[in-house]
Amino acid sequence: MLLTLDIGNSNITCGVFEDKVLVSSFRFATNKKISAIDCFLLFKKNFKEKSIKIGSQTGIIISSVVPELNVVLEKVFKDNFNILPIFVDSSLKLNIKLKVDNPMEVGSDRITNSVAGFKRVKSDVIIVDLGTATTFDCVTKDGNFLGGLILPGISISASALFNSTSQLSEVELKKPKNLIGKNTLECIQSGLMNGYSEMVEGLLFKLEEEMKSDCYVIATGGLSKIVLGDSSRIKEIDENLTLKGLKTIYELNS
């Protein structure tokens, strides 16, 4: 049984694989100040709810963009699971080549998504990840990771809007029926959701122009279905893409 962890700035997403199948997944909020004991108790609670036995894991692999948690997680799994986890970085064996100025700068989440995306299609591919930050990662049919874009996620943009204005209050992130809002709530929802999806569409068009290719586009991340569900350019939405990429990297390095 393989345990995969995607440590993001907002959430920690965990996936459990048996053979080639993702049999269970769960997530909880990221706490950068959590102790090793409290972290273990949190895993223990979630494992119990999912009927997962501690000690049945044969390997653990982690993609983390929160360095503060890496030492904590290593201690948790070494002391309680008797496993030293693998942390994803550019030094590992990958199915892609990082053709960027400094491979060590590439975030583990972007590496993992690109590994999964390229394995899925083996052609020119762009992966759009709608998380705390939104990332676009570009991989050629030859397996060359070219780089991409990083910009504030929709939740960050929404928070900036609400915190910087006196008369606008927080709203649920969902698309209203019409583009033209009839009240303040609808105007904000339409601006955020439609504005963000159109931005993604426009950037994908420009990226395909630069790559000189009609790329296969995969979206992932918690808000991908809500924001990009009706996109004409997104070929596939897979909220578990990062977990699947972690499994692939583990297999390449075990």
Protein backbone atom coordinates (compact mmCIF):
# COMPACT_ATOMS: atom_id res chain seq x y z
CA MET A 1 0.00 0.00 0.00
CA LEU A 2 1.41 3.36 -1.08
CA LEU A 3 0.56 6.59 0.76
CA THR A 4 0.83 9.78 -1.31
CA LEU A 5 0.65 13.28 0.13
CA ASP A 6 0.19 16.59 -1.66
CA ILE A 7 1.10 19.32 0.84
CA GLY A 8 -0.33 22.62 -0.35
CA ASN A 9 -0.55 26.03 1.27
CA SER A 10 -4.26 25.61 2.05
CA ASN A 11 -4.83 21.85 2.24
CA ILE A 12 -3.05 18.52 2.64
CA THR A 13 -4.48 15.91 0.28
CA CYS A 14 -3.72 12.24 0.89
CA GLY A 15 -4.21 9.30 -1.42
CA VAL A 16 -3.88 5.58 -0.74
CA PHE A 17 -2.99 3.27 -3.63
CA GLU A 18 -3.27 -0.50 -3.70
CA ASP A 19 -1.46 -1.78 -6.76
CA LYS A 20 -2.50 0.67 -9.48
CA VAL A 21 -5.80 1.77 -7.92
CA LEU A 22 -6.48 4.85 -5.81
CA VAL A 23 -8.64 3.20 -3.16
CA SER A 24 -9.07 6.11 -0.77
CA SER A 25 -8.35 9.81 -0.39
CA PHE A 26 -8.94 12.53 2.18
CA ARG A 27 -7.84 16.06 2.92
CA PHE A 28 -7.48 18.44 5.84
CA ALA A 29 -6.39 22.03 6.31
CA THR A 30 -2.68 22.84 6.29
CA ASN A 31 -1.34 23.97 9.67
CA LYS A 32 2.23 25.18 9.37
CA LYS A 33 2.71 25.20 13.16
CA ILE A 34 1.38 21.71 13.94
CA SER A 35 3.47 19.49 16.18
CA ALA A 36 4.54 15.99 15.21
CA ILE A 37 2.25 14.48 17.86
CA ASP A 38 -0.81 16.44 16.71
CA CYS A 39 0.02 15.67 13.10
CA PHE A 40 0.14 11.94 13.82
CA LEU A 41 -3.18 12.11 15.69
CA LEU A 42 -4.72 13.84 12.69
CA PHE A 43 -3.52 11.07 10.38
CA LYS A 44 -4.67 8.44 12.86
CA LYS A 45 -8.16 9.98 12.95
CA ASN A 46 -8.47 10.09 9.16
CA PHE A 47 -7.06 6.58 8.76
CA LYS A 48 -9.64 5.25 11.22
CA GLU A 49 -12.47 6.98 9.35
CA LYS A 50 -11.27 5.46 6.06
CA SER A 51 -10.58 2.01 7.59
CA ILE A 52 -6.88 2.26 6.74
CA LYS A 53 -4.53 0.34 9.01
CA ILE A 54 -1.39 2.12 10.16
CA GLY A 55 1.57 -0.09 9.36
CA SER A 56 0.09 -1.50 6.16
CA GLN A 57 1.95 1.10 4.09
CA THR A 58 4.99 -0.06 2.12
CA GLY A 59 6.00 3.39 0.91
CA ILE A 60 5.26 7.08 1.33
CA ILE A 61 5.92 9.88 -1.13
CA ILE A 62 5.30 13.59 -0.56
CA SER A 63 4.99 16.66 -2.73
CA SER A 64 5.34 19.68 -0.45
CA VAL A 65 5.32 23.41 -1.07
CA VAL A 66 5.39 24.06 2.69
CA PRO A 67 9.01 23.46 3.83
CA GLU A 68 8.09 24.11 7.47
CA LEU A 69 6.15 20.84 7.53
CA ASN A 70 8.76 18.59 5.94
CA VAL A 71 10.71 17.89 9.13
CA VAL A 72 7.47 17.27 11.04
CA LEU A 73 6.17 14.83 8.44
CA GLU A 74 9.46 12.99 8.24
CA LYS A 75 9.40 12.48 12.02
CA VAL A 76 5.75 11.37 11.99
CA PHE A 77 6.28 8.69 9.37
CA LYS A 78 9.69 7.55 10.61
CA ASP A 79 8.56 7.22 14.25
CA ASN A 80 5.05 5.84 13.74
CA PHE A 81 5.11 4.11 10.34
CA ASN A 82 8.77 3.05 10.33
CA ILE A 83 9.08 4.50 6.83
CA LEU A 84 11.33 7.30 5.60
CA PRO A 85 9.22 9.22 3.07
CA ILE A 86 10.43 10.34 -0.35
CA PHE A 87 10.13 14.10 -0.94
CA VAL A 88 9.71 15.11 -4.55
CA ASP A 89 12.33 17.42 -6.05
CA SER A 90 14.28 17.80 -9.28
CA SER A 91 16.98 15.31 -8.23
CA LEU A 92 14.65 12.30 -8.49
CA LYS A 93 14.24 10.08 -11.56
CA LEU A 94 11.44 11.52 -13.68
CA ASN A 95 9.80 10.76 -17.01
CA ILE A 96 10.33 14.39 -18.06
CA LYS A 97 13.37 16.65 -18.47
CA LEU A 98 13.31 20.01 -16.72
CA LYS A 99 14.43 22.40 -19.47
CA VAL A 100 14.44 25.55 -17.33
CA ASP A 101 17.09 27.94 -16.01
CA ASN A 102 17.26 26.32 -12.57
CA PRO A 103 15.51 22.92 -12.18
CA MET A 104 15.84 23.13 -8.39
CA GLU A 105 13.48 26.12 -8.40
CA VAL A 106 10.60 24.15 -9.89
CA GLY A 107 7.99 23.41 -7.22
CA SER A 108 7.37 19.77 -6.37
CA ASP A 109 3.68 20.18 -7.17
CA ARG A 110 4.50 21.40 -10.68
CA ILE A 111 6.97 18.56 -11.21
CA THR A 112 4.40 16.03 -10.04
CA ASN A 113 1.58 17.42 -12.18
CA SER A 114 3.84 17.47 -15.23
CA VAL A 115 4.95 13.89 -14.68
CA ALA A 116 1.31 12.80 -14.44
CA GLY A 117 0.17 14.86 -17.42
CA PHE A 118 2.94 13.63 -19.71
CA LYS A 119 2.38 10.01 -18.68
CA ARG A 120 -1.32 10.41 -19.47
CA VAL A 121 -0.99 11.65 -23.05
CA LYS A 122 2.66 11.34 -24.23
CA SER A 123 2.10 14.45 -26.39
CA ASP A 124 2.27 18.24 -26.03
CA VAL A 125 0.38 18.92 -22.81
CA ILE A 126 -0.48 21.87 -20.58
CA ILE A 127 -1.53 21.26 -16.98
CA VAL A 128 -3.58 23.96 -15.24
CA ASP A 129 -3.70 23.62 -11.45
CA LEU A 130 -6.22 25.80 -9.62
CA GLY A 131 -4.99 25.80 -6.06
CA THR A 132 -3.94 28.56 -3.65
CA ALA A 133 -1.83 29.68 -6.59
CA THR A 134 -2.77 28.90 -10.17
CA THR A 135 -0.05 27.29 -12.25
CA PHE A 136 0.28 26.49 -15.94
CA ASP A 137 2.90 23.86 -16.77
CA CYS A 138 3.97 23.09 -20.35
CA VAL A 139 5.48 19.78 -21.46
CA THR A 140 6.36 18.82 -25.03
CA LYS A 141 5.70 15.49 -26.73
CA ASP A 142 9.41 14.71 -26.19
CA GLY A 143 8.99 15.04 -22.43
CA ASN A 144 10.64 18.44 -22.10
CA PHE A 145 9.23 20.57 -19.28
CA LEU A 146 9.46 24.10 -20.67
CA GLY A 147 8.22 26.04 -17.64
CA GLY A 148 4.94 27.93 -17.47
CA LEU A 149 3.15 30.55 -15.43
CA ILE A 150 2.35 31.16 -11.76
CA LEU A 151 -0.34 33.61 -10.65
CA PRO A 152 -2.59 34.20 -7.64
CA GLY A 153 -5.38 31.66 -7.27
CA ILE A 154 -9.00 32.70 -7.41
CA SER A 155 -9.39 32.46 -3.61
CA ILE A 156 -6.44 34.81 -3.10
CA SER A 157 -7.89 37.22 -5.67
CA ALA A 158 -11.27 37.08 -3.94
CA SER A 159 -9.72 37.72 -0.51
CA ALA A 160 -7.77 40.69 -1.86
CA LEU A 161 -10.98 42.15 -3.27
CA PHE A 162 -12.94 41.75 -0.04
CA ASN A 163 -10.11 42.91 2.25
CA SER A 164 -9.30 45.98 0.17
CA THR A 165 -12.84 47.32 -0.21
CA SER A 166 -15.24 48.66 2.38
CA GLN A 167 -18.57 47.90 0.71
CA LEU A 168 -17.96 44.46 -0.83
CA SER A 169 -18.49 41.35 1.28
CA GLU A 170 -17.42 37.77 0.72
CA VAL A 171 -19.54 35.60 -1.57
CA GLU A 172 -19.75 31.92 -2.45
CA LEU A 173 -17.48 31.06 -5.35
CA LYS A 174 -19.97 29.87 -7.96
CA LYS A 175 -20.97 31.05 -11.42
CA PRO A 176 -24.24 32.99 -11.60
CA LYS A 177 -26.79 32.19 -14.30
CA ASN A 178 -26.04 35.30 -16.36
CA LEU A 179 -22.84 37.15 -17.18
CA ILE A 180 -24.44 40.51 -16.32
CA GLY A 181 -25.05 40.59 -12.58
CA LYS A 182 -28.30 42.13 -11.36
CA ASN A 183 -27.07 42.76 -7.82
CA THR A 184 -23.75 43.20 -6.04
CA LEU A 185 -23.46 39.52 -5.09
CA GLU A 186 -24.01 38.37 -8.69
CA CYS A 187 -21.66 41.05 -10.02
CA ILE A 188 -18.85 39.83 -7.75
CA GLN A 189 -19.51 36.16 -8.56
CA SER A 190 -19.61 36.84 -12.28
CA GLY A 191 -16.48 38.97 -12.17
CA LEU A 192 -14.49 36.40 -10.24
CA MET A 193 -15.69 33.20 -11.90
CA ASN A 194 -16.17 34.36 -15.49
CA GLY A 195 -13.18 36.68 -15.36
CA TYR A 196 -10.96 33.89 -14.10
CA SER A 197 -12.16 31.30 -16.61
CA GLU A 198 -11.70 33.76 -19.48
CA MET A 199 -8.21 34.56 -18.24
CA VAL A 200 -7.36 30.84 -18.28
CA GLU A 201 -8.81 30.48 -21.79
CA GLY A 202 -6.80 33.46 -23.05
CA LEU A 203 -3.54 32.26 -21.52
CA LEU A 204 -4.02 28.77 -22.95
CA PHE A 205 -4.47 30.31 -26.40
CA LYS A 206 -1.22 32.29 -26.01
CA LEU A 207 0.68 29.28 -24.66
CA GLU A 208 -0.39 27.10 -27.56
CA GLU A 209 0.73 29.85 -29.94
CA GLU A 210 4.16 29.96 -28.29
CA MET A 211 4.46 26.16 -28.23
CA LYS A 212 3.22 26.03 -31.85
CA SER A 213 0.93 23.15 -30.92
CA ASP A 214 -2.69 22.26 -30.31
CA CYS A 215 -1.96 20.98 -26.82
CA TYR A 216 -3.90 18.50 -24.73
CA VAL A 217 -4.99 20.47 -21.64
CA ILE A 218 -5.62 18.87 -18.26
CA ALA A 219 -7.02 20.82 -15.31
CA THR A 220 -6.69 19.87 -11.67
CA GLY A 221 -7.15 21.48 -8.26
CA GLY A 222 -10.11 21.93 -5.95
CA LEU A 223 -11.86 24.64 -7.97
CA SER A 224 -11.16 23.23 -11.43
CA LYS A 225 -14.65 21.81 -12.04
CA ILE A 226 -16.41 24.95 -10.80
CA VAL A 227 -14.28 27.43 -12.74
CA LEU A 228 -13.38 25.46 -15.86
CA GLY A 229 -16.16 22.89 -16.16
CA ASP A 230 -17.56 24.46 -19.35
CA SER A 231 -14.21 25.35 -20.94
CA SER A 232 -13.81 24.47 -24.60
CA ARG A 233 -10.03 24.15 -24.27
CA ILE A 234 -9.88 21.85 -21.25
CA LYS A 235 -9.84 18.27 -22.50
CA GLU A 236 -9.92 16.66 -19.07
CA ILE A 237 -10.43 17.56 -15.41
CA ASP A 238 -8.74 15.25 -12.89
CA GLU A 239 -8.77 16.37 -9.27
CA ASN A 240 -6.49 13.44 -8.36
CA LEU A 241 -3.82 14.20 -10.98
CA THR A 242 -1.18 15.17 -8.40
CA LEU A 243 -1.71 11.99 -6.39
CA LYS A 244 -1.35 9.91 -9.56
CA GLY A 245 1.85 11.79 -10.43
CA LEU A 246 3.24 10.99 -6.99
CA LYS A 247 2.57 7.29 -7.57
CA THR A 248 4.42 7.45 -10.90
CA ILE A 249 7.45 9.18 -9.34
CA TYR A 250 7.51 6.65 -6.51
CA GLU A 251 7.56 3.79 -9.02
CA LEU A 252 10.41 5.44 -10.96
CA ASN A 253 12.48 5.77 -7.79
CA SER A 254 11.80 2.53 -5.91
